[in-house]
Amino acid sequence: MYNQTPFTSKNLAKCSLVLRQFGRDTPSMQESSQKIADYIYKHFYDSESEQNSCALVCLFKTHP
C-alpha cells in the first residue's frame, strides 16, 4: 500500500518497479494496462481517512 500524502521517492521507485513488471508478463497492451489500473486503484490510500484514495483509475493510449 502507498500513502498518497507523503509519496516519497522510495515509494515511487518501488511502485515503478512493480508497474514495469506488468508489461513483461502479459501478451497484450490491454491486459497490461488493466493490471496497472487495478494495482493503482488497490494500492493507493489516504492516510487521514485510511480509505482508498482513487475513485477511478483509467489509462489511455494516445497517438501523435
N, C-alpha and C. Protein backbone atom coordinates (compact mmCIF):
# COMPACT_ATOMS: atom_id res chain seq x y z
N MET A 1 0.83 -1.17 0.00
CA MET A 1 0.00 0.00 0.00
C MET A 1 0.88 1.25 0.00
N TYR A 2 0.45 2.26 -0.71
CA TYR A 2 1.19 3.51 -0.78
C TYR A 2 0.35 4.63 -0.20
N ASN A 3 0.93 5.35 0.73
CA ASN A 3 0.27 6.51 1.30
C ASN A 3 0.45 7.66 0.32
N GLN A 4 -0.63 8.21 -0.15
CA GLN A 4 -0.56 9.26 -1.15
C GLN A 4 -0.09 10.59 -0.59
N THR A 5 -0.32 10.83 0.70
CA THR A 5 0.01 12.13 1.28
C THR A 5 1.51 12.42 1.21
N PRO A 6 2.38 11.62 1.85
CA PRO A 6 3.80 11.81 1.56
C PRO A 6 4.27 10.68 0.63
N PHE A 7 4.10 10.85 -0.67
CA PHE A 7 4.55 9.85 -1.63
C PHE A 7 6.04 10.08 -1.87
N THR A 8 6.86 9.31 -1.19
CA THR A 8 8.30 9.53 -1.18
C THR A 8 8.97 8.96 -2.43
N SER A 9 10.22 9.31 -2.63
CA SER A 9 10.97 8.77 -3.76
C SER A 9 11.17 7.26 -3.60
N LYS A 10 11.23 6.77 -2.37
CA LYS A 10 11.31 5.33 -2.14
C LYS A 10 10.03 4.65 -2.61
N ASN A 11 8.87 5.25 -2.30
CA ASN A 11 7.59 4.72 -2.77
C ASN A 11 7.52 4.74 -4.30
N LEU A 12 8.00 5.82 -4.90
CA LEU A 12 7.99 5.95 -6.34
C LEU A 12 8.84 4.85 -6.99
N ALA A 13 10.01 4.61 -6.46
CA ALA A 13 10.89 3.57 -7.01
C ALA A 13 10.26 2.19 -6.90
N LYS A 14 9.68 1.90 -5.74
CA LYS A 14 9.05 0.60 -5.52
C LYS A 14 7.84 0.41 -6.44
N CYS A 15 7.01 1.43 -6.54
CA CYS A 15 5.81 1.36 -7.37
C CYS A 15 6.18 1.21 -8.84
N SER A 16 7.13 1.97 -9.31
CA SER A 16 7.51 1.90 -10.73
C SER A 16 8.12 0.55 -11.08
N LEU A 17 8.83 -0.06 -10.14
CA LEU A 17 9.38 -1.40 -10.37
C LEU A 17 8.25 -2.42 -10.55
N VAL A 18 7.25 -2.34 -9.70
CA VAL A 18 6.10 -3.25 -9.80
C VAL A 18 5.35 -3.02 -11.12
N LEU A 19 5.11 -1.77 -11.46
CA LEU A 19 4.35 -1.46 -12.68
C LEU A 19 5.07 -1.92 -13.94
N ARG A 20 6.39 -1.81 -13.97
CA ARG A 20 7.15 -2.27 -15.14
C ARG A 20 7.05 -3.78 -15.33
N GLN A 21 6.90 -4.52 -14.24
CA GLN A 21 6.79 -5.97 -14.32
C GLN A 21 5.51 -6.40 -15.04
N PHE A 22 4.46 -5.62 -14.93
CA PHE A 22 3.20 -5.98 -15.57
C PHE A 22 3.33 -6.06 -17.09
N GLY A 23 4.16 -5.22 -17.66
CA GLY A 23 4.36 -5.23 -19.10
C GLY A 23 5.13 -6.43 -19.60
N ARG A 24 5.92 -7.02 -18.75
CA ARG A 24 6.74 -8.17 -19.17
C ARG A 24 5.96 -9.47 -19.17
N ASP A 25 4.97 -9.58 -18.32
CA ASP A 25 4.29 -10.85 -18.12
C ASP A 25 2.95 -10.97 -18.85
N THR A 26 2.60 -10.02 -19.67
CA THR A 26 1.30 -10.05 -20.33
C THR A 26 1.46 -10.02 -21.84
N PRO A 27 0.55 -10.69 -22.54
CA PRO A 27 0.67 -10.77 -24.00
C PRO A 27 0.12 -9.56 -24.75
N SER A 28 -0.67 -8.70 -24.10
CA SER A 28 -1.27 -7.58 -24.82
C SER A 28 -1.17 -6.29 -24.01
N MET A 29 -1.25 -5.18 -24.73
CA MET A 29 -1.22 -3.87 -24.10
C MET A 29 -2.47 -3.67 -23.24
N GLN A 30 -3.60 -4.17 -23.70
CA GLN A 30 -4.85 -4.03 -22.96
C GLN A 30 -4.77 -4.75 -21.61
N GLU A 31 -4.23 -5.94 -21.60
CA GLU A 31 -4.11 -6.69 -20.35
C GLU A 31 -3.12 -6.01 -19.40
N SER A 32 -2.03 -5.51 -19.94
CA SER A 32 -1.05 -4.79 -19.11
C SER A 32 -1.67 -3.55 -18.48
N SER A 33 -2.41 -2.78 -19.28
CA SER A 33 -3.00 -1.55 -18.75
C SER A 33 -4.07 -1.86 -17.71
N GLN A 34 -4.80 -2.96 -17.87
CA GLN A 34 -5.79 -3.34 -16.87
C GLN A 34 -5.13 -3.71 -15.55
N LYS A 35 -4.01 -4.43 -15.62
CA LYS A 35 -3.28 -4.80 -14.40
C LYS A 35 -2.73 -3.56 -13.71
N ILE A 36 -2.22 -2.61 -14.49
CA ILE A 36 -1.67 -1.38 -13.92
C ILE A 36 -2.77 -0.56 -13.23
N ALA A 37 -3.91 -0.40 -13.91
CA ALA A 37 -5.02 0.36 -13.33
C ALA A 37 -5.53 -0.31 -12.05
N ASP A 38 -5.66 -1.63 -12.07
CA ASP A 38 -6.12 -2.36 -10.88
C ASP A 38 -5.14 -2.18 -9.72
N TYR A 39 -3.85 -2.25 -10.02
CA TYR A 39 -2.83 -2.11 -8.98
C TYR A 39 -2.88 -0.72 -8.34
N ILE A 40 -2.96 0.30 -9.17
CA ILE A 40 -3.02 1.67 -8.65
C ILE A 40 -4.28 1.87 -7.82
N TYR A 41 -5.40 1.37 -8.30
CA TYR A 41 -6.66 1.51 -7.57
C TYR A 41 -6.60 0.84 -6.20
N LYS A 42 -6.00 -0.32 -6.13
CA LYS A 42 -5.98 -1.09 -4.88
C LYS A 42 -4.89 -0.66 -3.90
N HIS A 43 -3.81 -0.04 -4.37
CA HIS A 43 -2.66 0.18 -3.51
C HIS A 43 -2.41 1.63 -3.09
N PHE A 44 -3.22 2.57 -3.54
CA PHE A 44 -3.05 3.96 -3.10
C PHE A 44 -4.16 4.30 -2.12
N TYR A 45 -3.77 4.85 -0.97
CA TYR A 45 -4.75 5.18 0.06
C TYR A 45 -4.42 6.52 0.68
N ASP A 46 -5.40 7.08 1.35
CA ASP A 46 -5.25 8.35 2.06
C ASP A 46 -5.00 8.04 3.53
N SER A 47 -3.90 8.51 4.08
CA SER A 47 -3.54 8.19 5.46
C SER A 47 -4.50 8.81 6.48
N GLU A 48 -5.11 9.92 6.14
CA GLU A 48 -6.03 10.56 7.08
C GLU A 48 -7.32 9.77 7.24
N SER A 49 -7.89 9.34 6.14
CA SER A 49 -9.16 8.60 6.21
C SER A 49 -8.94 7.09 6.20
N GLU A 50 -7.73 6.67 5.87
CA GLU A 50 -7.37 5.25 5.76
C GLU A 50 -8.28 4.52 4.77
N GLN A 51 -8.68 5.22 3.72
CA GLN A 51 -9.51 4.65 2.67
C GLN A 51 -8.80 4.77 1.34
N ASN A 52 -9.29 4.03 0.38
CA ASN A 52 -8.76 4.09 -0.97
C ASN A 52 -8.82 5.53 -1.47
N SER A 53 -7.76 6.02 -2.05
CA SER A 53 -7.74 7.41 -2.49
C SER A 53 -8.16 7.57 -3.96
N CYS A 54 -8.42 6.49 -4.65
CA CYS A 54 -8.80 6.57 -6.06
C CYS A 54 -10.26 6.18 -6.24
N ALA A 55 -11.03 7.08 -6.82
CA ALA A 55 -12.41 6.75 -7.16
C ALA A 55 -12.46 5.98 -8.48
N LEU A 56 -11.54 6.31 -9.38
CA LEU A 56 -11.50 5.71 -10.69
C LEU A 56 -10.08 5.82 -11.23
N VAL A 57 -9.58 4.77 -11.84
CA VAL A 57 -8.27 4.80 -12.47
C VAL A 57 -8.45 4.37 -13.93
N CYS A 58 -8.02 5.21 -14.85
CA CYS A 58 -8.11 4.91 -16.29
C CYS A 58 -6.75 5.13 -16.93
N LEU A 59 -6.45 4.35 -17.92
CA LEU A 59 -5.26 4.55 -18.73
C LEU A 59 -5.70 4.78 -20.17
N PHE A 60 -5.02 5.68 -20.85
CA PHE A 60 -5.34 6.00 -22.23
C PHE A 60 -4.10 5.86 -23.08
N LYS A 61 -4.27 5.32 -24.26
CA LYS A 61 -3.20 5.27 -25.24
C LYS A 61 -3.41 6.43 -26.20
N THR A 62 -2.40 7.25 -26.35
CA THR A 62 -2.53 8.40 -27.24
C THR A 62 -1.69 8.19 -28.51
N HIS A 63 -2.08 8.86 -29.55
CA HIS A 63 -1.38 8.79 -30.83
C HIS A 63 -1.00 10.20 -31.25
N PRO A 64 0.18 10.36 -31.81
CA PRO A 64 0.57 11.70 -32.26
C PRO A 64 -0.25 12.16 -33.47
